[in-house]
N, C-alpha and C. Protein backbone atom coordinates (compact mmCIF):
# COMPACT_ATOMS: atom_id res chain seq x y z
N GLY A 1 -26.31 8.43 -7.65
CA GLY A 1 -25.31 8.69 -6.73
C GLY A 1 -25.26 7.76 -5.59
N SER A 2 -26.38 7.39 -4.94
CA SER A 2 -26.61 6.55 -3.82
C SER A 2 -25.88 5.18 -4.17
N ARG A 3 -26.29 4.75 -5.27
CA ARG A 3 -25.83 3.40 -5.67
C ARG A 3 -24.16 3.33 -5.82
N ARG A 4 -23.76 4.42 -6.34
CA ARG A 4 -22.24 4.54 -6.48
C ARG A 4 -21.62 4.72 -5.00
N ALA A 5 -22.19 5.41 -4.36
CA ALA A 5 -21.58 5.72 -2.92
C ALA A 5 -21.65 4.24 -2.13
N ALA A 6 -22.78 3.63 -2.25
CA ALA A 6 -22.83 2.20 -1.63
C ALA A 6 -21.75 1.25 -2.10
N HIS A 7 -21.61 1.37 -3.52
CA HIS A 7 -20.55 0.48 -4.10
C HIS A 7 -19.18 0.78 -3.50
N LEU A 8 -18.94 2.06 -3.33
CA LEU A 8 -17.54 2.47 -2.71
C LEU A 8 -17.53 2.00 -1.28
N VAL A 9 -18.57 2.12 -0.57
CA VAL A 9 -18.60 1.76 0.87
C VAL A 9 -18.25 0.17 0.86
N LEU A 10 -18.93 -0.50 0.02
CA LEU A 10 -18.68 -2.13 0.03
C LEU A 10 -17.23 -2.26 -0.45
N ARG A 11 -16.59 -1.59 -1.50
CA ARG A 11 -15.26 -1.78 -1.73
C ARG A 11 -14.30 -1.67 -0.55
N VAL A 12 -14.64 -0.61 0.22
CA VAL A 12 -13.78 -0.21 1.37
C VAL A 12 -13.88 -1.30 2.43
N LEU A 13 -15.12 -1.74 2.75
CA LEU A 13 -15.32 -2.67 3.77
C LEU A 13 -14.83 -4.06 3.36
N GLY A 14 -14.71 -4.36 2.03
CA GLY A 14 -14.23 -5.57 1.52
C GLY A 14 -12.68 -5.60 1.49
N ALA A 15 -12.14 -4.47 1.50
CA ALA A 15 -10.73 -4.39 1.42
C ALA A 15 -9.84 -4.21 2.57
N ARG A 16 -10.52 -3.81 3.69
CA ARG A 16 -9.96 -3.42 4.94
C ARG A 16 -10.33 -4.29 6.05
N GLU A 17 -9.36 -4.79 6.77
CA GLU A 17 -9.45 -5.68 7.99
C GLU A 17 -9.85 -4.61 9.05
N GLY A 18 -10.67 -5.17 10.01
CA GLY A 18 -11.01 -4.51 11.26
C GLY A 18 -12.03 -3.55 11.14
N LEU A 19 -12.68 -3.39 10.01
CA LEU A 19 -13.94 -2.61 9.88
C LEU A 19 -15.10 -3.38 10.10
N PRO A 20 -16.33 -2.53 10.48
CA PRO A 20 -17.54 -3.37 10.77
C PRO A 20 -17.97 -3.96 9.42
N GLU A 21 -18.91 -4.89 9.56
CA GLU A 21 -19.52 -5.55 8.19
C GLU A 21 -20.54 -4.50 7.56
N VAL A 22 -20.87 -3.61 8.35
CA VAL A 22 -22.02 -2.51 7.72
C VAL A 22 -21.48 -1.23 8.11
N ALA A 23 -21.35 -0.26 7.31
CA ALA A 23 -20.97 1.12 7.72
C ALA A 23 -21.75 2.08 6.54
N GLY A 24 -21.85 3.30 7.04
CA GLY A 24 -22.23 4.23 6.18
C GLY A 24 -21.06 5.25 5.76
N GLU A 25 -21.38 6.07 4.80
CA GLU A 25 -20.35 6.94 4.40
C GLU A 25 -19.53 7.74 5.37
N GLU A 26 -20.29 8.30 6.33
CA GLU A 26 -19.68 8.99 7.40
C GLU A 26 -18.77 8.13 8.36
N ASP A 27 -19.07 6.97 8.41
CA ASP A 27 -18.40 6.04 9.31
C ASP A 27 -16.94 5.64 8.72
N ILE A 28 -16.78 5.75 7.54
CA ILE A 28 -15.46 5.53 6.82
C ILE A 28 -15.04 6.62 5.80
N ARG A 29 -15.34 7.79 6.24
CA ARG A 29 -15.11 8.99 5.33
C ARG A 29 -13.63 8.92 4.77
N ALA A 30 -12.70 8.91 5.64
CA ALA A 30 -11.34 8.99 5.15
C ALA A 30 -11.01 7.88 4.24
N ALA A 31 -11.40 6.65 4.61
CA ALA A 31 -11.15 5.57 3.65
C ALA A 31 -11.72 5.82 2.34
N LEU A 32 -13.00 6.36 2.30
CA LEU A 32 -13.66 6.57 1.06
C LEU A 32 -13.01 7.71 0.17
N ASP A 33 -12.49 8.71 0.87
CA ASP A 33 -11.83 9.74 0.14
C ASP A 33 -10.59 9.26 -0.51
N ALA A 34 -9.90 8.45 0.29
CA ALA A 34 -8.68 7.81 -0.27
C ALA A 34 -8.91 6.89 -1.43
N LEU A 35 -9.83 6.12 -1.32
CA LEU A 35 -10.33 5.41 -2.52
C LEU A 35 -10.78 6.23 -3.77
N ARG A 36 -11.50 7.27 -3.55
CA ARG A 36 -11.69 8.13 -4.54
C ARG A 36 -10.51 8.78 -5.31
N VAL A 37 -9.64 9.19 -4.43
CA VAL A 37 -8.39 9.73 -4.87
C VAL A 37 -7.56 8.71 -5.71
N THR A 38 -7.37 7.50 -5.14
CA THR A 38 -6.78 6.32 -5.85
C THR A 38 -7.48 6.09 -7.14
N ASP A 39 -8.73 5.92 -7.35
CA ASP A 39 -9.25 5.69 -8.42
C ASP A 39 -9.18 6.88 -9.40
N ALA A 40 -9.17 8.03 -9.06
CA ALA A 40 -9.08 9.21 -10.07
C ALA A 40 -7.73 9.32 -10.64
N VAL A 41 -6.69 8.77 -10.01
CA VAL A 41 -5.26 8.93 -10.50
C VAL A 41 -4.75 7.55 -10.85
N ALA A 42 -5.54 6.60 -10.97
CA ALA A 42 -5.20 5.17 -11.20
C ALA A 42 -4.61 5.02 -12.53
N ALA A 43 -5.03 5.87 -13.53
CA ALA A 43 -4.43 5.77 -14.98
C ALA A 43 -3.15 6.36 -15.06
N LEU A 44 -2.74 7.21 -14.04
CA LEU A 44 -1.59 7.96 -14.05
C LEU A 44 -0.43 7.31 -13.10
N THR A 45 -0.91 6.24 -12.24
CA THR A 45 -0.02 5.90 -11.20
C THR A 45 -0.12 4.38 -11.09
N PRO A 46 1.12 3.68 -11.02
CA PRO A 46 2.35 4.27 -11.38
C PRO A 46 2.64 4.11 -12.68
N PRO A 47 3.51 4.91 -13.37
CA PRO A 47 3.71 4.88 -14.73
C PRO A 47 4.33 3.55 -15.04
N PRO A 48 4.22 3.05 -16.36
CA PRO A 48 4.71 1.85 -16.83
C PRO A 48 6.06 1.45 -16.52
N ASP A 49 6.94 2.55 -16.34
CA ASP A 49 8.32 2.22 -16.12
C ASP A 49 8.60 2.60 -14.61
N GLY A 50 7.68 2.74 -13.90
CA GLY A 50 7.82 3.25 -12.44
C GLY A 50 8.36 2.28 -11.48
N PRO A 51 8.78 2.52 -10.42
CA PRO A 51 9.47 1.56 -9.52
C PRO A 51 8.49 0.69 -8.83
N VAL A 52 7.22 1.10 -8.57
CA VAL A 52 6.16 0.17 -8.02
C VAL A 52 5.89 -0.94 -9.02
N ARG A 53 5.79 -0.58 -10.13
CA ARG A 53 5.40 -1.60 -11.18
C ARG A 53 6.66 -2.70 -11.19
N ALA A 54 7.81 -2.27 -11.26
CA ALA A 54 8.94 -2.96 -11.40
C ALA A 54 9.07 -3.71 -9.99
N LEU A 55 8.68 -3.24 -8.97
CA LEU A 55 8.91 -3.90 -7.70
C LEU A 55 7.79 -4.97 -7.69
N LEU A 56 6.62 -4.75 -8.21
CA LEU A 56 5.86 -5.93 -8.24
C LEU A 56 6.08 -7.04 -9.15
N ALA A 57 6.74 -6.78 -10.26
CA ALA A 57 7.30 -7.72 -11.26
C ALA A 57 8.43 -8.45 -10.51
N TYR A 58 9.24 -7.76 -9.93
CA TYR A 58 10.33 -8.42 -9.13
C TYR A 58 9.91 -9.32 -8.13
N ASP A 59 8.95 -8.96 -7.36
CA ASP A 59 8.37 -9.88 -6.29
C ASP A 59 7.79 -11.09 -7.13
N GLU A 60 6.97 -10.91 -8.09
CA GLU A 60 6.57 -12.25 -8.68
C GLU A 60 7.58 -13.12 -9.21
N GLU A 61 8.54 -12.47 -9.90
CA GLU A 61 9.59 -13.26 -10.52
C GLU A 61 10.49 -14.00 -9.62
N HIS A 62 10.75 -13.31 -8.50
CA HIS A 62 11.65 -13.77 -7.42
C HIS A 62 11.06 -14.33 -6.26
N ARG A 63 9.84 -14.31 -6.19
CA ARG A 63 8.90 -14.82 -4.99
C ARG A 63 9.51 -14.16 -3.74
N THR A 64 9.45 -12.74 -3.83
CA THR A 64 9.89 -12.07 -2.53
C THR A 64 8.64 -11.19 -2.01
N ASP A 65 8.81 -10.56 -1.03
CA ASP A 65 7.76 -9.82 -0.32
C ASP A 65 8.23 -8.30 -0.25
N LEU A 66 8.89 -7.86 -1.11
CA LEU A 66 9.40 -6.43 -1.01
C LEU A 66 8.28 -5.37 -1.19
N ALA A 67 7.29 -5.68 -1.98
CA ALA A 67 6.23 -4.76 -1.93
C ALA A 67 5.40 -4.77 -0.85
N ARG A 68 5.00 -5.81 -0.29
CA ARG A 68 4.33 -5.92 1.08
C ARG A 68 5.15 -5.34 2.05
N THR A 69 6.43 -5.42 2.02
CA THR A 69 7.22 -4.86 2.91
C THR A 69 7.18 -3.40 3.01
N LEU A 70 7.22 -2.75 1.79
CA LEU A 70 7.11 -1.30 1.53
C LEU A 70 5.77 -0.82 2.04
N ALA A 71 4.67 -1.66 1.64
CA ALA A 71 3.25 -1.23 2.16
C ALA A 71 3.11 -1.33 3.60
N ALA A 72 3.72 -2.18 4.23
CA ALA A 72 3.63 -2.27 5.67
C ALA A 72 4.31 -1.04 6.38
N TYR A 73 5.44 -0.82 5.74
CA TYR A 73 6.36 0.38 6.27
C TYR A 73 5.59 1.78 6.03
N LEU A 74 5.13 1.92 4.95
CA LEU A 74 4.31 3.18 4.77
C LEU A 74 3.11 3.19 5.45
N ASP A 75 2.49 2.11 5.78
CA ASP A 75 1.27 2.09 6.67
C ASP A 75 1.54 2.33 8.06
N ARG A 76 2.68 2.12 8.47
CA ARG A 76 3.30 2.39 9.99
C ARG A 76 4.13 3.58 9.99
N PHE A 77 3.93 4.43 8.92
CA PHE A 77 4.56 5.75 8.95
C PHE A 77 6.11 5.70 9.16
N GLY A 78 6.72 4.70 8.56
CA GLY A 78 8.13 4.58 8.58
C GLY A 78 8.61 4.15 10.05
N ASP A 79 7.85 3.76 10.93
CA ASP A 79 8.17 3.23 12.22
C ASP A 79 8.77 1.70 12.14
N VAL A 80 10.11 1.65 12.23
CA VAL A 80 10.77 0.24 11.96
C VAL A 80 10.26 -0.71 12.95
N PRO A 81 10.41 -0.42 14.27
CA PRO A 81 9.97 -1.46 15.19
C PRO A 81 8.47 -1.90 15.09
N ALA A 82 7.57 -0.98 14.75
CA ALA A 82 6.20 -1.39 14.58
C ALA A 82 6.00 -2.18 13.30
N THR A 83 6.65 -1.79 12.23
CA THR A 83 6.59 -2.55 11.01
C THR A 83 7.24 -3.83 11.11
N ALA A 84 8.45 -4.04 11.73
CA ALA A 84 8.94 -5.20 11.93
C ALA A 84 8.02 -6.19 12.81
N LYS A 85 7.45 -5.72 13.71
CA LYS A 85 6.57 -6.54 14.58
C LYS A 85 5.31 -7.10 13.63
N LEU A 86 4.90 -6.06 12.91
CA LEU A 86 3.57 -6.35 12.02
C LEU A 86 4.10 -7.48 11.09
N LEU A 87 5.24 -7.37 10.39
CA LEU A 87 5.74 -8.35 9.46
C LEU A 87 6.27 -9.63 10.00
N ALA A 88 6.36 -9.61 11.50
CA ALA A 88 6.99 -10.72 12.23
C ALA A 88 8.40 -11.03 11.77
N VAL A 89 9.27 -9.88 11.51
CA VAL A 89 10.69 -9.98 11.20
C VAL A 89 11.37 -9.29 12.19
N HIS A 90 12.64 -9.50 12.22
CA HIS A 90 13.68 -8.67 13.06
C HIS A 90 13.71 -7.26 12.34
N PRO A 91 13.82 -6.19 13.26
CA PRO A 91 14.03 -4.83 12.59
C PRO A 91 15.13 -4.78 11.56
N ASN A 92 16.25 -5.62 11.97
CA ASN A 92 17.46 -5.68 10.90
C ASN A 92 17.11 -6.20 9.72
N THR A 93 16.12 -7.14 9.66
CA THR A 93 15.73 -7.78 8.34
C THR A 93 15.03 -6.66 7.64
N LEU A 94 13.95 -5.98 8.31
CA LEU A 94 13.32 -4.92 7.59
C LEU A 94 14.32 -3.88 7.13
N ARG A 95 15.29 -3.40 7.97
CA ARG A 95 16.17 -2.43 7.23
C ARG A 95 16.99 -2.97 6.11
N TYR A 96 17.21 -4.31 6.01
CA TYR A 96 17.91 -4.90 5.01
C TYR A 96 16.93 -4.76 3.75
N ARG A 97 15.76 -5.11 4.00
CA ARG A 97 14.83 -5.06 2.83
C ARG A 97 14.47 -3.69 2.28
N LEU A 98 14.38 -2.73 3.22
CA LEU A 98 14.38 -1.28 2.79
C LEU A 98 15.57 -0.88 1.91
N ARG A 99 16.78 -1.38 2.35
CA ARG A 99 17.99 -0.95 1.58
C ARG A 99 17.90 -1.64 0.08
N ARG A 100 17.43 -2.90 0.16
CA ARG A 100 17.04 -3.59 -1.12
C ARG A 100 16.17 -2.71 -2.02
N LEU A 101 15.18 -2.31 -1.42
CA LEU A 101 14.30 -1.35 -2.26
C LEU A 101 15.02 -0.26 -2.86
N HIS A 102 15.80 0.35 -2.04
CA HIS A 102 16.61 1.49 -2.70
C HIS A 102 17.59 1.03 -3.79
N ASP A 103 18.37 0.00 -3.36
CA ASP A 103 19.32 -0.44 -4.27
C ASP A 103 18.81 -1.02 -5.58
N LEU A 104 17.67 -1.77 -5.60
CA LEU A 104 17.15 -2.23 -6.65
C LEU A 104 16.23 -1.42 -7.55
N PHE A 105 15.47 -0.54 -6.81
CA PHE A 105 14.48 0.24 -7.50
C PHE A 105 14.62 1.90 -7.31
N GLY A 106 15.60 2.19 -6.57
CA GLY A 106 15.89 3.68 -6.35
C GLY A 106 14.85 4.24 -5.62
N VAL A 107 14.23 3.49 -4.73
CA VAL A 107 13.05 3.94 -3.87
C VAL A 107 13.82 4.72 -2.71
N ASP A 108 13.75 6.01 -2.78
CA ASP A 108 14.20 6.92 -1.65
C ASP A 108 13.14 7.20 -0.70
N LEU A 109 13.09 6.52 0.46
CA LEU A 109 11.97 6.70 1.48
C LEU A 109 12.15 8.02 2.19
N ALA A 110 13.28 8.75 2.13
CA ALA A 110 13.37 10.02 2.70
C ALA A 110 12.68 11.21 1.95
N ASP A 111 12.36 10.76 0.71
CA ASP A 111 11.70 11.80 -0.25
C ASP A 111 10.16 11.84 -0.10
N PRO A 112 9.48 12.77 0.35
CA PRO A 112 8.10 12.71 0.39
C PRO A 112 7.37 12.37 -0.85
N ASP A 113 7.93 12.93 -2.02
CA ASP A 113 7.20 12.54 -3.18
C ASP A 113 7.36 11.19 -3.67
N THR A 114 8.63 10.55 -3.42
CA THR A 114 8.61 9.27 -3.69
C THR A 114 7.65 8.34 -2.83
N ARG A 115 7.53 8.74 -1.55
CA ARG A 115 6.67 7.96 -0.72
C ARG A 115 5.22 8.12 -1.12
N LEU A 116 4.82 9.27 -1.59
CA LEU A 116 3.44 9.53 -2.22
C LEU A 116 3.09 8.69 -3.34
N VAL A 117 4.07 8.73 -4.43
CA VAL A 117 3.97 8.06 -5.52
C VAL A 117 3.96 6.38 -5.35
N ALA A 118 4.89 6.03 -4.36
CA ALA A 118 4.83 4.51 -3.97
C ALA A 118 3.49 4.22 -3.28
N GLU A 119 3.01 5.03 -2.46
CA GLU A 119 1.72 4.79 -1.84
C GLU A 119 0.64 4.68 -2.69
N LEU A 120 0.49 5.56 -3.69
CA LEU A 120 -0.54 5.59 -4.74
C LEU A 120 -0.46 4.35 -5.58
N GLY A 121 0.87 3.87 -5.89
CA GLY A 121 1.03 2.82 -6.73
C GLY A 121 0.71 1.34 -5.94
N LEU A 122 0.96 1.39 -4.65
CA LEU A 122 0.61 0.25 -3.88
C LEU A 122 -0.83 0.21 -3.54
N ARG A 123 -1.57 1.26 -3.41
CA ARG A 123 -2.95 1.28 -3.29
C ARG A 123 -3.70 0.84 -4.51
N ALA A 124 -3.10 1.25 -5.65
CA ALA A 124 -3.73 0.72 -6.96
C ALA A 124 -3.56 -0.71 -7.06
N ALA A 125 -2.36 -1.13 -6.73
CA ALA A 125 -2.16 -2.60 -6.71
C ALA A 125 -2.87 -3.44 -5.66
N GLY A 126 -3.59 -2.72 -4.78
CA GLY A 126 -4.35 -3.45 -3.84
C GLY A 126 -3.56 -3.83 -2.44
N LEU A 127 -2.41 -3.37 -2.34
CA LEU A 127 -1.64 -3.65 -1.22
C LEU A 127 -1.62 -2.63 -0.15
N LEU A 128 -2.21 -1.55 -0.30
CA LEU A 128 -2.59 -0.57 0.70
C LEU A 128 -4.25 -0.25 0.70
N PRO A 129 -4.79 -0.12 1.83
CA PRO A 129 -4.27 -0.34 3.14
C PRO A 129 -3.80 -1.79 3.37
N TRP A 130 -2.66 -1.82 4.18
CA TRP A 130 -1.81 -3.03 4.25
C TRP A 130 -2.74 -4.16 4.83
N ALA A 131 -2.64 -5.18 4.34
CA ALA A 131 -3.35 -6.39 4.71
C ALA A 131 -2.35 -7.46 5.10
N ALA A 132 -2.58 -8.33 6.19
CA ALA A 132 -1.83 -9.38 6.65
C ALA A 132 -1.66 -10.44 5.73
N ALA A 133 -2.72 -10.76 4.83
CA ALA A 133 -2.61 -11.96 4.01
C ALA A 133 -1.68 -11.66 2.82
N PRO A 134 -0.85 -12.69 2.50
CA PRO A 134 0.01 -12.53 1.42
C PRO A 134 -0.75 -12.40 0.04
N HIS A 135 -0.16 -11.59 -0.87
CA HIS A 135 -0.83 -11.28 -2.19
C HIS A 135 -0.22 -12.01 -3.24
């Protein structure tokens, strides 16, 4: 059990910016719990025909950053000005990208279930917690 817990802590510390180099379970409890949930449902999320998988394939094929845009938007709780600043784009550019997500993949960001499934899919893909480096 201790070895498994230590492995999870290392995964969290390696995946998230701004965390200390050394931490115990209690120091990063929320991140560990989120990782455990993500791991537990990884086989279920996203489904092979789901919008997140299609989004990732679209980004790869068209060399776009729509998945990272969605990850940043979800990470900032839908705050357009904060997300635009994080991505270093104009708020209207961000709004355009969000409309593209809806038009291309049917991602309805007003729906909490859609946001949850998208977040789980992006976590499984390693895009959440959001990281500044391109993937």
